[in-house]
Amino acid sequence: MPEPASLITRSVGAHNRPCARKQLRPSDHAREDLSLRLRNEAAVLAHLAESPGVIRLLNVEQDPLTLVLEWADGGSLDQRMRRPIDPGEAERFAREIVAATIACHARGVVHRDIKPSNVLIVRGAIRLADFGVAAWGDPPRALPEGWEEAEVGTPPWSAPELRQNATGVVSPSVDAYGVAKTILAFLETRSPVVAAALSTDPARRPTLDQIAHALG
């Protein structure tokens, strides 16, 4: 498996509190596409400041571009899933993931790469992270005009329509797919609404509000 483009290290920030520093690996500094995505993530997180369930951007440093983020003391959901999760905690995680994604959509941001490794845990609560390919703005997109994206996201977590000509694929339904796929990886539920969100036809997927209602 190739190394991720971003290098995340633990540091000490204001008030002697731990924080995370995210920057491109030295070998990827010349990759303009990755640099643009890191800048996009910084802009999106600034736009989403104080939104519930979103990782906090504490500062942006230059040369090299570095995002200073709140530290996820509980690691990622992907790591948390390596040991048993209590049913009550699993249900809470599911509701928090849905609520965080709804909050992003309310601010005009579609994440487009929701998966367990992009869901962090801070003091026991869920935080969505890694907004590099998030679409937003007018018109909604992740990279500047002139760039094209043939494929974004991470199969099998990402909606199938993101795997071909993804530049204009910015519907909130892509996040409904990623949310449902992530939830079903750690929560046993027979909800037909959650299962329906995995439809290959975006028009047949329930909304996130419907998923939230189904989860109670």
N, C-alpha and C. Protein backbone atom coordinates (compact mmCIF):
# COMPACT_ATOMS: atom_id res chain seq x y z
N MET A 1 0.85 -1.19 0.00
CA MET A 1 0.00 0.00 0.00
C MET A 1 0.89 1.25 0.00
N PRO A 2 0.63 2.21 -0.90
CA PRO A 2 1.46 3.41 -0.94
C PRO A 2 1.24 4.29 0.28
N GLU A 3 2.28 5.05 0.62
CA GLU A 3 2.16 5.96 1.75
C GLU A 3 1.18 7.08 1.42
N PRO A 4 0.42 7.57 2.40
CA PRO A 4 -0.45 8.71 2.14
C PRO A 4 0.39 9.94 1.83
N ALA A 5 -0.19 10.86 1.03
CA ALA A 5 0.56 12.05 0.65
C ALA A 5 0.81 12.96 1.84
N SER A 6 -0.10 12.95 2.81
CA SER A 6 0.01 13.85 3.96
C SER A 6 0.77 13.20 5.11
N LEU A 7 1.60 13.99 5.74
CA LEU A 7 2.34 13.55 6.92
C LEU A 7 1.75 14.25 8.13
N ILE A 8 1.29 13.50 9.12
CA ILE A 8 0.68 14.08 10.31
C ILE A 8 1.54 13.74 11.52
N THR A 9 1.94 14.78 12.23
CA THR A 9 2.78 14.59 13.41
C THR A 9 2.13 15.27 14.61
N ARG A 10 2.47 14.79 15.79
CA ARG A 10 1.96 15.36 17.04
C ARG A 10 2.88 16.47 17.50
N SER A 11 2.32 17.56 17.95
CA SER A 11 3.11 18.68 18.42
C SER A 11 2.42 19.26 19.65
N VAL A 12 3.01 20.32 20.19
CA VAL A 12 2.43 21.02 21.33
C VAL A 12 2.05 22.42 20.88
N GLY A 13 0.79 22.78 21.10
CA GLY A 13 0.31 24.07 20.66
C GLY A 13 0.09 25.03 21.81
N ALA A 14 -0.85 25.94 21.62
CA ALA A 14 -1.15 26.95 22.63
C ALA A 14 -1.61 26.30 23.92
N HIS A 15 -1.29 26.94 25.03
CA HIS A 15 -1.68 26.47 26.35
C HIS A 15 -1.11 25.08 26.64
N ASN A 16 -0.01 24.75 25.94
CA ASN A 16 0.69 23.48 26.16
C ASN A 16 -0.19 22.27 25.86
N ARG A 17 -1.13 22.46 24.93
CA ARG A 17 -2.03 21.37 24.55
C ARG A 17 -1.53 20.69 23.27
N PRO A 18 -1.70 19.37 23.17
CA PRO A 18 -1.26 18.68 21.95
C PRO A 18 -2.08 19.09 20.74
N CYS A 19 -1.44 19.10 19.58
CA CYS A 19 -2.13 19.40 18.33
C CYS A 19 -1.50 18.54 17.24
N ALA A 20 -2.15 18.49 16.10
CA ALA A 20 -1.64 17.72 14.97
C ALA A 20 -1.16 18.69 13.90
N ARG A 21 -0.05 18.38 13.27
CA ARG A 21 0.49 19.19 12.18
C ARG A 21 0.43 18.36 10.91
N LYS A 22 -0.31 18.85 9.91
CA LYS A 22 -0.52 18.11 8.67
C LYS A 22 0.14 18.86 7.52
N GLN A 23 1.04 18.17 6.81
CA GLN A 23 1.71 18.75 5.65
C GLN A 23 2.01 17.65 4.64
N LEU A 24 2.36 18.03 3.43
CA LEU A 24 2.71 17.03 2.43
C LEU A 24 4.05 16.40 2.78
N ARG A 25 4.20 15.15 2.41
CA ARG A 25 5.49 14.51 2.57
C ARG A 25 6.51 15.21 1.67
N PRO A 26 7.77 15.30 2.07
CA PRO A 26 8.77 15.99 1.25
C PRO A 26 8.81 15.51 -0.20
N SER A 27 8.58 14.23 -0.41
CA SER A 27 8.62 13.69 -1.77
C SER A 27 7.45 14.16 -2.62
N ASP A 28 6.42 14.75 -1.99
CA ASP A 28 5.23 15.19 -2.73
C ASP A 28 5.09 16.71 -2.80
N HIS A 29 6.10 17.45 -2.32
CA HIS A 29 6.00 18.91 -2.31
C HIS A 29 5.83 19.49 -3.71
N ALA A 30 6.34 18.81 -4.73
CA ALA A 30 6.26 19.33 -6.10
C ALA A 30 4.94 18.99 -6.78
N ARG A 31 4.10 18.20 -6.13
CA ARG A 31 2.82 17.81 -6.74
C ARG A 31 1.79 18.90 -6.53
N GLU A 32 1.51 19.62 -7.61
CA GLU A 32 0.60 20.75 -7.51
C GLU A 32 -0.80 20.32 -7.14
N ASP A 33 -1.25 19.15 -7.62
CA ASP A 33 -2.60 18.70 -7.30
C ASP A 33 -2.76 18.46 -5.80
N LEU A 34 -1.74 17.85 -5.18
CA LEU A 34 -1.82 17.59 -3.74
C LEU A 34 -1.73 18.88 -2.94
N SER A 35 -0.91 19.82 -3.41
CA SER A 35 -0.81 21.11 -2.74
C SER A 35 -2.14 21.85 -2.80
N LEU A 36 -2.80 21.79 -3.96
CA LEU A 36 -4.10 22.44 -4.11
C LEU A 36 -5.13 21.82 -3.17
N ARG A 37 -5.06 20.51 -3.01
CA ARG A 37 -6.02 19.85 -2.12
C ARG A 37 -5.77 20.20 -0.66
N LEU A 38 -4.51 20.35 -0.29
CA LEU A 38 -4.22 20.75 1.09
C LEU A 38 -4.71 22.18 1.32
N ARG A 39 -4.53 23.04 0.33
CA ARG A 39 -5.05 24.41 0.44
C ARG A 39 -6.58 24.41 0.48
N ASN A 40 -7.18 23.54 -0.32
CA ASN A 40 -8.63 23.43 -0.30
C ASN A 40 -9.11 23.00 1.09
N GLU A 41 -8.41 22.05 1.68
CA GLU A 41 -8.79 21.60 3.02
C GLU A 41 -8.70 22.74 4.03
N ALA A 42 -7.63 23.55 3.94
CA ALA A 42 -7.50 24.67 4.86
C ALA A 42 -8.65 25.65 4.69
N ALA A 43 -9.01 25.94 3.44
CA ALA A 43 -10.10 26.89 3.19
C ALA A 43 -11.44 26.33 3.67
N VAL A 44 -11.67 25.04 3.43
CA VAL A 44 -12.94 24.43 3.84
C VAL A 44 -13.05 24.43 5.37
N LEU A 45 -11.97 24.06 6.06
CA LEU A 45 -12.03 24.01 7.52
C LEU A 45 -12.22 25.40 8.11
N ALA A 46 -11.63 26.42 7.48
CA ALA A 46 -11.87 27.79 7.94
C ALA A 46 -13.33 28.16 7.74
N HIS A 47 -13.90 27.75 6.61
CA HIS A 47 -15.31 28.02 6.33
C HIS A 47 -16.22 27.31 7.32
N LEU A 48 -15.81 26.10 7.73
CA LEU A 48 -16.62 25.29 8.63
C LEU A 48 -16.31 25.52 10.11
N ALA A 49 -15.56 26.57 10.41
CA ALA A 49 -15.18 26.83 11.81
C ALA A 49 -16.39 26.83 12.73
N GLU A 50 -16.25 26.11 13.82
CA GLU A 50 -17.30 25.99 14.84
C GLU A 50 -18.46 25.09 14.42
N SER A 51 -18.40 24.49 13.24
CA SER A 51 -19.45 23.55 12.86
C SER A 51 -19.32 22.30 13.72
N PRO A 52 -20.41 21.78 14.26
CA PRO A 52 -20.33 20.61 15.13
C PRO A 52 -19.84 19.37 14.39
N GLY A 53 -18.96 18.63 15.05
CA GLY A 53 -18.51 17.37 14.50
C GLY A 53 -17.44 17.48 13.43
N VAL A 54 -16.81 18.66 13.29
CA VAL A 54 -15.76 18.85 12.29
C VAL A 54 -14.44 19.14 13.02
N ILE A 55 -13.35 18.52 12.56
CA ILE A 55 -12.05 18.73 13.19
C ILE A 55 -11.71 20.22 13.16
N ARG A 56 -11.13 20.74 14.24
CA ARG A 56 -10.86 22.17 14.36
C ARG A 56 -9.51 22.54 13.73
N LEU A 57 -9.55 23.57 12.87
CA LEU A 57 -8.33 24.14 12.31
C LEU A 57 -7.84 25.23 13.26
N LEU A 58 -6.64 25.04 13.83
CA LEU A 58 -6.11 25.98 14.81
C LEU A 58 -5.24 27.05 14.17
N ASN A 59 -4.54 26.69 13.09
CA ASN A 59 -3.64 27.65 12.44
C ASN A 59 -3.21 27.09 11.09
N VAL A 60 -2.75 27.96 10.21
CA VAL A 60 -2.17 27.56 8.93
C VAL A 60 -0.80 28.19 8.82
N GLU A 61 0.23 27.38 8.61
CA GLU A 61 1.59 27.87 8.46
C GLU A 61 2.04 27.69 7.01
N GLN A 62 3.01 28.48 6.58
CA GLN A 62 3.50 28.44 5.20
C GLN A 62 4.94 27.94 5.16
N ASP A 63 5.35 27.51 3.98
CA ASP A 63 6.77 27.14 3.70
C ASP A 63 7.34 26.12 4.68
N PRO A 64 6.91 24.89 4.66
CA PRO A 64 5.87 24.34 3.79
C PRO A 64 4.47 24.55 4.37
N LEU A 65 3.47 24.48 3.50
CA LEU A 65 2.09 24.62 3.94
C LEU A 65 1.78 23.55 4.98
N THR A 66 1.34 23.99 6.15
CA THR A 66 1.07 23.08 7.27
C THR A 66 -0.24 23.47 7.93
N LEU A 67 -1.14 22.51 8.10
CA LEU A 67 -2.37 22.75 8.83
C LEU A 67 -2.17 22.29 10.27
N VAL A 68 -2.46 23.17 11.20
CA VAL A 68 -2.38 22.83 12.62
C VAL A 68 -3.80 22.54 13.08
N LEU A 69 -4.03 21.32 13.53
CA LEU A 69 -5.38 20.84 13.85
C LEU A 69 -5.46 20.38 15.29
N GLU A 70 -6.67 20.33 15.82
CA GLU A 70 -6.83 19.76 17.16
C GLU A 70 -6.41 18.29 17.13
N TRP A 71 -5.87 17.83 18.24
CA TRP A 71 -5.33 16.48 18.32
C TRP A 71 -6.45 15.48 18.60
N ALA A 72 -6.49 14.42 17.79
CA ALA A 72 -7.48 13.36 17.99
C ALA A 72 -6.92 12.36 18.98
N ASP A 73 -7.21 12.59 20.26
CA ASP A 73 -6.64 11.73 21.29
C ASP A 73 -7.18 10.31 21.23
N GLY A 74 -8.34 10.12 20.57
CA GLY A 74 -8.90 8.78 20.45
C GLY A 74 -8.56 8.10 19.13
N GLY A 75 -7.68 8.73 18.34
CA GLY A 75 -7.30 8.14 17.07
C GLY A 75 -8.43 8.23 16.04
N SER A 76 -8.37 7.37 15.05
CA SER A 76 -9.39 7.35 14.01
C SER A 76 -10.42 6.26 14.30
N LEU A 77 -11.57 6.39 13.66
CA LEU A 77 -12.58 5.34 13.80
C LEU A 77 -12.05 4.02 13.25
N ASP A 78 -11.24 4.10 12.21
CA ASP A 78 -10.63 2.90 11.64
C ASP A 78 -9.82 2.16 12.70
N GLN A 79 -9.06 2.90 13.48
CA GLN A 79 -8.29 2.29 14.57
C GLN A 79 -9.20 1.78 15.68
N ARG A 80 -10.24 2.56 16.00
CA ARG A 80 -11.16 2.17 17.07
C ARG A 80 -11.89 0.88 16.72
N MET A 81 -12.13 0.63 15.44
CA MET A 81 -12.85 -0.56 15.00
C MET A 81 -12.03 -1.84 15.13
N ARG A 82 -10.76 -1.71 15.47
CA ARG A 82 -9.92 -2.90 15.62
C ARG A 82 -10.18 -3.63 16.93
N ARG A 83 -10.99 -3.02 17.79
CA ARG A 83 -11.40 -3.70 19.02
C ARG A 83 -12.90 -3.50 19.18
N PRO A 84 -13.56 -4.33 19.97
CA PRO A 84 -15.03 -4.27 20.07
C PRO A 84 -15.54 -2.90 20.49
N ILE A 85 -16.64 -2.49 19.87
CA ILE A 85 -17.30 -1.23 20.22
C ILE A 85 -18.64 -1.57 20.87
N ASP A 86 -18.86 -1.04 22.05
CA ASP A 86 -20.12 -1.26 22.75
C ASP A 86 -21.28 -0.80 21.87
N PRO A 87 -22.39 -1.55 21.82
CA PRO A 87 -23.52 -1.16 20.97
C PRO A 87 -24.01 0.26 21.21
N GLY A 88 -24.04 0.68 22.46
CA GLY A 88 -24.49 2.04 22.75
C GLY A 88 -23.54 3.08 22.17
N GLU A 89 -22.25 2.82 22.30
CA GLU A 89 -21.26 3.73 21.75
C GLU A 89 -21.32 3.73 20.23
N ALA A 90 -21.53 2.56 19.64
CA ALA A 90 -21.63 2.46 18.18
C ALA A 90 -22.82 3.27 17.66
N GLU A 91 -23.94 3.19 18.35
CA GLU A 91 -25.11 3.95 17.93
C GLU A 91 -24.85 5.45 18.04
N ARG A 92 -24.15 5.85 19.09
CA ARG A 92 -23.83 7.28 19.26
C ARG A 92 -22.88 7.74 18.16
N PHE A 93 -21.86 6.93 17.87
CA PHE A 93 -20.95 7.28 16.79
C PHE A 93 -21.71 7.47 15.48
N ALA A 94 -22.63 6.56 15.19
CA ALA A 94 -23.39 6.63 13.94
C ALA A 94 -24.18 7.93 13.87
N ARG A 95 -24.86 8.26 14.96
CA ARG A 95 -25.66 9.50 14.97
C ARG A 95 -24.76 10.73 14.82
N GLU A 96 -23.59 10.71 15.45
CA GLU A 96 -22.69 11.86 15.37
C GLU A 96 -22.11 12.02 13.97
N ILE A 97 -21.81 10.92 13.30
CA ILE A 97 -21.30 11.01 11.92
C ILE A 97 -22.34 11.63 11.01
N VAL A 98 -23.58 11.18 11.15
CA VAL A 98 -24.67 11.73 10.33
C VAL A 98 -24.86 13.21 10.64
N ALA A 99 -24.89 13.57 11.91
CA ALA A 99 -25.11 14.96 12.30
C ALA A 99 -23.99 15.87 11.79
N ALA A 100 -22.75 15.40 11.87
CA ALA A 100 -21.62 16.20 11.39
C ALA A 100 -21.70 16.42 9.89
N THR A 101 -22.09 15.39 9.17
CA THR A 101 -22.20 15.51 7.71
C THR A 101 -23.34 16.45 7.33
N ILE A 102 -24.46 16.37 8.04
CA ILE A 102 -25.57 17.28 7.81
C ILE A 102 -25.12 18.72 8.06
N ALA A 103 -24.33 18.95 9.11
CA ALA A 103 -23.84 20.29 9.43
C ALA A 103 -22.96 20.82 8.30
N CYS A 104 -22.14 19.95 7.71
CA CYS A 104 -21.31 20.36 6.56
C CYS A 104 -22.18 20.76 5.38
N HIS A 105 -23.18 19.95 5.10
CA HIS A 105 -24.07 20.24 3.97
C HIS A 105 -24.81 21.55 4.19
N ALA A 106 -25.16 21.85 5.42
CA ALA A 106 -25.85 23.10 5.72
C ALA A 106 -24.98 24.31 5.41
N ARG A 107 -23.66 24.11 5.40
CA ARG A 107 -22.73 25.19 5.06
C ARG A 107 -22.26 25.08 3.62
N GLY A 108 -22.90 24.21 2.83
CA GLY A 108 -22.57 24.10 1.42
C GLY A 108 -21.36 23.27 1.09
N VAL A 109 -20.95 22.37 1.99
CA VAL A 109 -19.76 21.54 1.79
C VAL A 109 -20.15 20.08 1.67
N VAL A 110 -19.72 19.42 0.59
CA VAL A 110 -19.90 17.98 0.40
C VAL A 110 -18.52 17.34 0.55
N HIS A 111 -18.36 16.45 1.51
CA HIS A 111 -17.05 15.89 1.87
C HIS A 111 -16.46 15.04 0.75
N ARG A 112 -17.20 14.09 0.25
CA ARG A 112 -16.85 13.21 -0.88
C ARG A 112 -15.84 12.10 -0.57
N ASP A 113 -15.37 11.99 0.67
CA ASP A 113 -14.44 10.90 0.99
C ASP A 113 -14.63 10.44 2.43
N ILE A 114 -15.89 10.22 2.80
CA ILE A 114 -16.18 9.77 4.16
C ILE A 114 -15.87 8.28 4.27
N LYS A 115 -15.03 7.94 5.23
CA LYS A 115 -14.62 6.56 5.48
C LYS A 115 -14.08 6.50 6.90
N PRO A 116 -13.92 5.32 7.48
CA PRO A 116 -13.49 5.23 8.88
C PRO A 116 -12.18 5.95 9.19
N SER A 117 -11.22 5.94 8.28
CA SER A 117 -9.94 6.59 8.58
C SER A 117 -10.04 8.11 8.53
N ASN A 118 -11.12 8.65 7.93
CA ASN A 118 -11.32 10.09 7.89
C ASN A 118 -12.31 10.57 8.96
N VAL A 119 -12.65 9.68 9.88
CA VAL A 119 -13.47 10.02 11.03
C VAL A 119 -12.58 9.88 12.26
N LEU A 120 -12.37 10.99 12.97
CA LEU A 120 -11.49 11.00 14.13
C LEU A 120 -12.30 11.08 15.41
N ILE A 121 -11.65 10.76 16.51
CA ILE A 121 -12.32 10.78 17.81
C ILE A 121 -11.55 11.73 18.73
N VAL A 122 -12.24 12.77 19.18
CA VAL A 122 -11.64 13.78 20.05
C VAL A 122 -12.42 13.80 21.36
N ARG A 123 -11.75 13.43 22.44
CA ARG A 123 -12.40 13.37 23.76
C ARG A 123 -13.71 12.59 23.70
N GLY A 124 -13.68 11.48 22.97
CA GLY A 124 -14.81 10.57 22.90
C GLY A 124 -15.86 10.94 21.87
N ALA A 125 -15.71 12.09 21.20
CA ALA A 125 -16.71 12.53 20.23
C ALA A 125 -16.16 12.47 18.81
N ILE A 126 -17.06 12.29 17.87
CA ILE A 126 -16.69 12.14 16.46
C ILE A 126 -16.32 13.49 15.85
N ARG A 127 -15.29 13.47 14.98
CA ARG A 127 -14.91 14.63 14.18
C ARG A 127 -14.67 14.17 12.73
N LEU A 128 -15.33 14.80 11.78
CA LEU A 128 -15.00 14.55 10.38
C LEU A 128 -13.70 15.27 10.06
N ALA A 129 -12.85 14.62 9.25
CA ALA A 129 -11.56 15.20 8.90
C ALA A 129 -11.23 14.90 7.44
N ASP A 130 -10.11 15.45 6.97
CA ASP A 130 -9.58 15.23 5.63
C ASP A 130 -10.56 15.72 4.55
N PHE A 131 -10.63 17.02 4.40
CA PHE A 131 -11.54 17.65 3.45
C PHE A 131 -10.84 18.04 2.14
N GLY A 132 -9.76 17.38 1.79
CA GLY A 132 -9.00 17.76 0.61
C GLY A 132 -9.77 17.71 -0.69
N VAL A 133 -10.69 16.75 -0.83
CA VAL A 133 -11.47 16.65 -2.08
C VAL A 133 -12.90 17.12 -1.87
N ALA A 134 -13.16 17.82 -0.77
CA ALA A 134 -14.51 18.34 -0.51
C ALA A 134 -14.89 19.36 -1.58
N ALA A 135 -16.14 19.32 -2.01
CA ALA A 135 -16.65 20.26 -3.00
C ALA A 135 -17.46 21.34 -2.28
N TRP A 136 -17.23 22.59 -2.68
CA TRP A 136 -17.95 23.70 -2.08
C TRP A 136 -17.79 24.91 -2.99
N GLY A 137 -18.40 26.01 -2.64
CA GLY A 137 -18.28 27.22 -3.44
C GLY A 137 -19.35 27.30 -4.52
N ASP A 138 -19.17 28.23 -5.45
CA ASP A 138 -20.15 28.46 -6.51
C ASP A 138 -19.41 28.62 -7.85
N PRO A 139 -19.44 27.59 -8.72
CA PRO A 139 -20.11 26.31 -8.52
C PRO A 139 -19.31 25.41 -7.57
N PRO A 140 -19.97 24.46 -6.92
CA PRO A 140 -19.26 23.60 -5.98
C PRO A 140 -18.20 22.75 -6.69
N ARG A 141 -16.97 22.80 -6.19
CA ARG A 141 -15.89 21.96 -6.71
C ARG A 141 -14.76 21.97 -5.69
N ALA A 142 -13.80 21.06 -5.87
CA ALA A 142 -12.68 20.97 -4.94
C ALA A 142 -11.44 21.70 -5.45
N LEU A 143 -11.13 21.53 -6.72
CA LEU A 143 -9.94 22.14 -7.30
C LEU A 143 -10.33 23.33 -8.16
N PRO A 144 -9.40 24.24 -8.41
CA PRO A 144 -9.72 25.45 -9.17
C PRO A 144 -10.20 25.16 -10.59
N GLU A 145 -10.86 26.14 -11.17
CA GLU A 145 -11.32 26.04 -12.56
C GLU A 145 -10.13 25.68 -13.45
N GLY A 146 -10.36 24.73 -14.35
CA GLY A 146 -9.29 24.29 -15.24
C GLY A 146 -8.75 22.92 -14.88
N TRP A 147 -8.91 22.53 -13.60
CA TRP A 147 -8.50 21.19 -13.18
C TRP A 147 -9.67 20.23 -13.36
N GLU A 148 -9.37 19.05 -13.80
CA GLU A 148 -10.39 18.02 -13.94
C GLU A 148 -10.05 16.85 -13.03
N GLU A 149 -11.08 16.20 -12.50
CA GLU A 149 -10.89 15.07 -11.61
C GLU A 149 -11.59 13.85 -12.19
N ALA A 150 -10.82 12.89 -12.65
CA ALA A 150 -11.42 11.69 -13.21
C ALA A 150 -12.01 10.81 -12.12
N GLU A 151 -11.37 10.84 -10.94
CA GLU A 151 -11.81 9.95 -9.85
C GLU A 151 -11.37 10.54 -8.52
N VAL A 152 -12.27 10.55 -7.55
CA VAL A 152 -11.91 10.94 -6.19
C VAL A 152 -12.54 9.94 -5.22
N GLY A 153 -12.18 10.07 -3.95
CA GLY A 153 -12.74 9.14 -2.99
C GLY A 153 -11.90 7.89 -2.85
N THR A 154 -12.41 6.95 -2.06
CA THR A 154 -11.67 5.73 -1.76
C THR A 154 -12.60 4.53 -1.85
N PRO A 155 -12.58 3.80 -2.97
CA PRO A 155 -13.37 2.57 -3.03
C PRO A 155 -12.90 1.61 -1.94
N PRO A 156 -13.79 0.85 -1.31
CA PRO A 156 -15.22 0.73 -1.58
C PRO A 156 -16.09 1.70 -0.79
N TRP A 157 -15.46 2.65 -0.08
CA TRP A 157 -16.22 3.54 0.79
C TRP A 157 -16.95 4.63 -0.01
N SER A 158 -16.37 5.03 -1.11
CA SER A 158 -16.93 6.16 -1.86
C SER A 158 -18.00 5.71 -2.85
N ALA A 159 -18.93 6.63 -3.12
CA ALA A 159 -20.03 6.35 -4.05
C ALA A 159 -19.47 6.02 -5.44
N PRO A 160 -20.08 5.06 -6.12
CA PRO A 160 -19.54 4.63 -7.41
C PRO A 160 -19.46 5.72 -8.46
N GLU A 161 -20.33 6.73 -8.40
CA GLU A 161 -20.30 7.79 -9.41
C GLU A 161 -19.07 8.68 -9.28
N LEU A 162 -18.35 8.58 -8.15
CA LEU A 162 -17.12 9.36 -7.97
C LEU A 162 -15.93 8.73 -8.67
N ARG A 163 -16.13 7.58 -9.27
CA ARG A 163 -15.01 6.86 -9.90
C ARG A 163 -14.91 7.14 -11.40
N GLN A 164 -15.70 8.08 -11.88
CA GLN A 164 -15.64 8.41 -13.31
C GLN A 164 -16.10 9.85 -13.50
N ASN A 165 -15.24 10.67 -14.07
CA ASN A 165 -15.57 12.07 -14.35
C ASN A 165 -16.12 12.77 -13.11
N ALA A 166 -15.32 12.78 -12.05
CA ALA A 166 -15.80 13.21 -10.73
C ALA A 166 -15.86 14.72 -10.54
N THR A 167 -15.36 15.51 -11.48
CA THR A 167 -15.30 16.96 -11.29
C THR A 167 -16.66 17.53 -10.91
N GLY A 168 -17.69 17.14 -11.61
CA GLY A 168 -19.02 17.70 -11.37
C GLY A 168 -19.89 16.89 -10.44
N VAL A 169 -19.34 15.85 -9.82
CA VAL A 169 -20.13 15.00 -8.92
C VAL A 169 -20.07 15.61 -7.53
N VAL A 170 -21.04 16.44 -7.22
CA VAL A 170 -21.00 17.20 -5.96
C VAL A 170 -22.29 17.09 -5.16
N SER A 171 -23.15 16.15 -5.51
CA SER A 171 -24.43 16.01 -4.82
C SER A 171 -24.22 15.48 -3.40
N PRO A 172 -25.01 15.96 -2.44
CA PRO A 172 -24.94 15.42 -1.07
C PRO A 172 -25.18 13.91 -1.01
N SER A 173 -25.78 13.34 -2.06
CA SER A 173 -26.04 11.90 -2.04
C SER A 173 -24.75 11.08 -2.01
N VAL A 174 -23.64 11.66 -2.48
CA VAL A 174 -22.39 10.90 -2.41
C VAL A 174 -21.97 10.71 -0.96
N ASP A 175 -22.27 11.69 -0.11
CA ASP A 175 -21.94 11.54 1.31
C ASP A 175 -22.90 10.60 2.02
N ALA A 176 -24.15 10.54 1.55
CA ALA A 176 -25.09 9.57 2.12
C ALA A 176 -24.55 8.16 1.95
N TYR A 177 -23.96 7.91 0.78
CA TYR A 177 -23.36 6.59 0.50
C TYR A 177 -22.19 6.34 1.46
N GLY A 178 -21.26 7.29 1.54
CA GLY A 178 -20.09 7.11 2.39
C GLY A 178 -20.44 6.96 3.86
N VAL A 179 -21.42 7.74 4.30
CA VAL A 179 -21.87 7.64 5.69
C VAL A 179 -22.46 6.26 5.97
N ALA A 180 -23.33 5.79 5.10
CA ALA A 180 -23.96 4.48 5.30
C ALA A 180 -22.92 3.37 5.28
N LYS A 181 -21.99 3.44 4.32
CA LYS A 181 -20.96 2.41 4.22
C LYS A 181 -20.11 2.38 5.49
N THR A 182 -19.79 3.55 6.00
CA THR A 182 -18.99 3.63 7.23
C THR A 182 -19.76 3.10 8.43
N ILE A 183 -21.00 3.53 8.56
CA ILE A 183 -21.82 3.09 9.70
C ILE A 183 -21.99 1.58 9.71
N LEU A 184 -22.25 1.00 8.56
CA LEU A 184 -22.49 -0.44 8.49
C LEU A 184 -21.24 -1.25 8.76
N ALA A 185 -20.08 -0.59 8.77
CA ALA A 185 -18.83 -1.30 9.07
C ALA A 185 -18.65 -1.55 10.56
N PHE A 186 -19.38 -0.79 11.40
CA PHE A 186 -19.20 -0.98 12.85
C PHE A 186 -20.52 -1.12 13.61
N LEU A 187 -21.66 -0.88 12.96
CA LEU A 187 -22.94 -0.93 13.65
C LEU A 187 -23.85 -1.94 12.98
N GLU A 188 -24.33 -2.88 13.77
CA GLU A 188 -25.30 -3.85 13.25
C GLU A 188 -26.68 -3.21 13.26
N THR A 189 -27.23 -3.00 12.09
CA THR A 189 -28.57 -2.42 12.00
C THR A 189 -29.32 -3.06 10.83
N ARG A 190 -30.59 -3.29 11.03
CA ARG A 190 -31.42 -3.84 9.97
C ARG A 190 -32.26 -2.76 9.30
N SER A 191 -31.90 -1.53 9.53
CA SER A 191 -32.66 -0.43 8.97
C SER A 191 -32.62 -0.47 7.44
N PRO A 192 -33.76 -0.59 6.77
CA PRO A 192 -33.77 -0.57 5.31
C PRO A 192 -33.37 0.79 4.76
N VAL A 193 -33.53 1.83 5.56
CA VAL A 193 -33.14 3.17 5.10
C VAL A 193 -31.63 3.26 4.95
N VAL A 194 -30.89 2.79 5.95
CA VAL A 194 -29.43 2.83 5.87
C VAL A 194 -28.94 1.96 4.73
N ALA A 195 -29.53 0.79 4.57
CA ALA A 195 -29.13 -0.10 3.48
C ALA A 195 -29.41 0.52 2.12
N ALA A 196 -30.51 1.26 2.01
CA ALA A 196 -30.89 1.87 0.74
C ALA A 196 -29.89 2.94 0.31
N ALA A 197 -29.15 3.50 1.27
CA ALA A 197 -28.17 4.54 0.94
C ALA A 197 -27.01 3.99 0.13
N LEU A 198 -26.88 2.66 0.05
CA LEU A 198 -25.82 2.04 -0.74
C LEU A 198 -26.25 1.75 -2.16
N SER A 199 -27.38 2.28 -2.57
CA SER A 199 -27.84 2.09 -3.95
C SER A 199 -26.83 2.69 -4.92
N THR A 200 -26.62 2.02 -6.04
CA THR A 200 -25.74 2.56 -7.08
C THR A 200 -26.40 3.72 -7.81
N ASP A 201 -27.69 3.87 -7.64
CA ASP A 201 -28.44 4.97 -8.26
C ASP A 201 -28.59 6.09 -7.22
N PRO A 202 -27.89 7.22 -7.40
CA PRO A 202 -27.97 8.29 -6.41
C PRO A 202 -29.39 8.76 -6.13
N ALA A 203 -30.26 8.69 -7.13
CA ALA A 203 -31.63 9.17 -6.96
C ALA A 203 -32.44 8.29 -6.02
N ARG A 204 -31.99 7.07 -5.80
CA ARG A 204 -32.72 6.14 -4.94
C ARG A 204 -32.21 6.13 -3.50
N ARG A 205 -31.19 6.90 -3.22
CA ARG A 205 -30.65 6.94 -1.86
C ARG A 205 -31.49 7.87 -0.97
N PRO A 206 -31.68 7.48 0.27
CA PRO A 206 -32.36 8.38 1.21
C PRO A 206 -31.48 9.58 1.52
N THR A 207 -32.07 10.64 2.03
CA THR A 207 -31.30 11.79 2.47
C THR A 207 -30.66 11.49 3.83
N LEU A 208 -29.72 12.31 4.21
CA LEU A 208 -29.11 12.15 5.52
C LEU A 208 -30.10 12.41 6.64
N ASP A 209 -31.06 13.30 6.42
CA ASP A 209 -32.10 13.52 7.43
C ASP A 209 -32.92 12.25 7.62
N GLN A 210 -33.20 11.55 6.54
CA GLN A 210 -33.93 10.29 6.65
C GLN A 210 -33.11 9.23 7.36
N ILE A 211 -31.80 9.21 7.11
CA ILE A 211 -30.92 8.26 7.80
C ILE A 211 -30.88 8.59 9.28
N ALA A 212 -30.79 9.88 9.60
CA ALA A 212 -30.77 10.29 11.01
C ALA A 212 -32.03 9.86 11.72
N HIS A 213 -33.17 10.01 11.05
CA HIS A 213 -34.46 9.60 11.65
C HIS A 213 -34.49 8.09 11.87
N ALA A 214 -33.95 7.34 10.90
CA ALA A 214 -33.95 5.88 11.02
C ALA A 214 -33.07 5.41 12.18
N LEU A 215 -32.00 6.16 12.47
CA LEU A 215 -31.10 5.77 13.56
C LEU A 215 -31.64 6.17 14.92
N GLY A 216 -32.67 7.05 14.93
CA GLY A 216 -33.32 7.44 16.19
C GLY A 216 -32.57 8.52 16.94
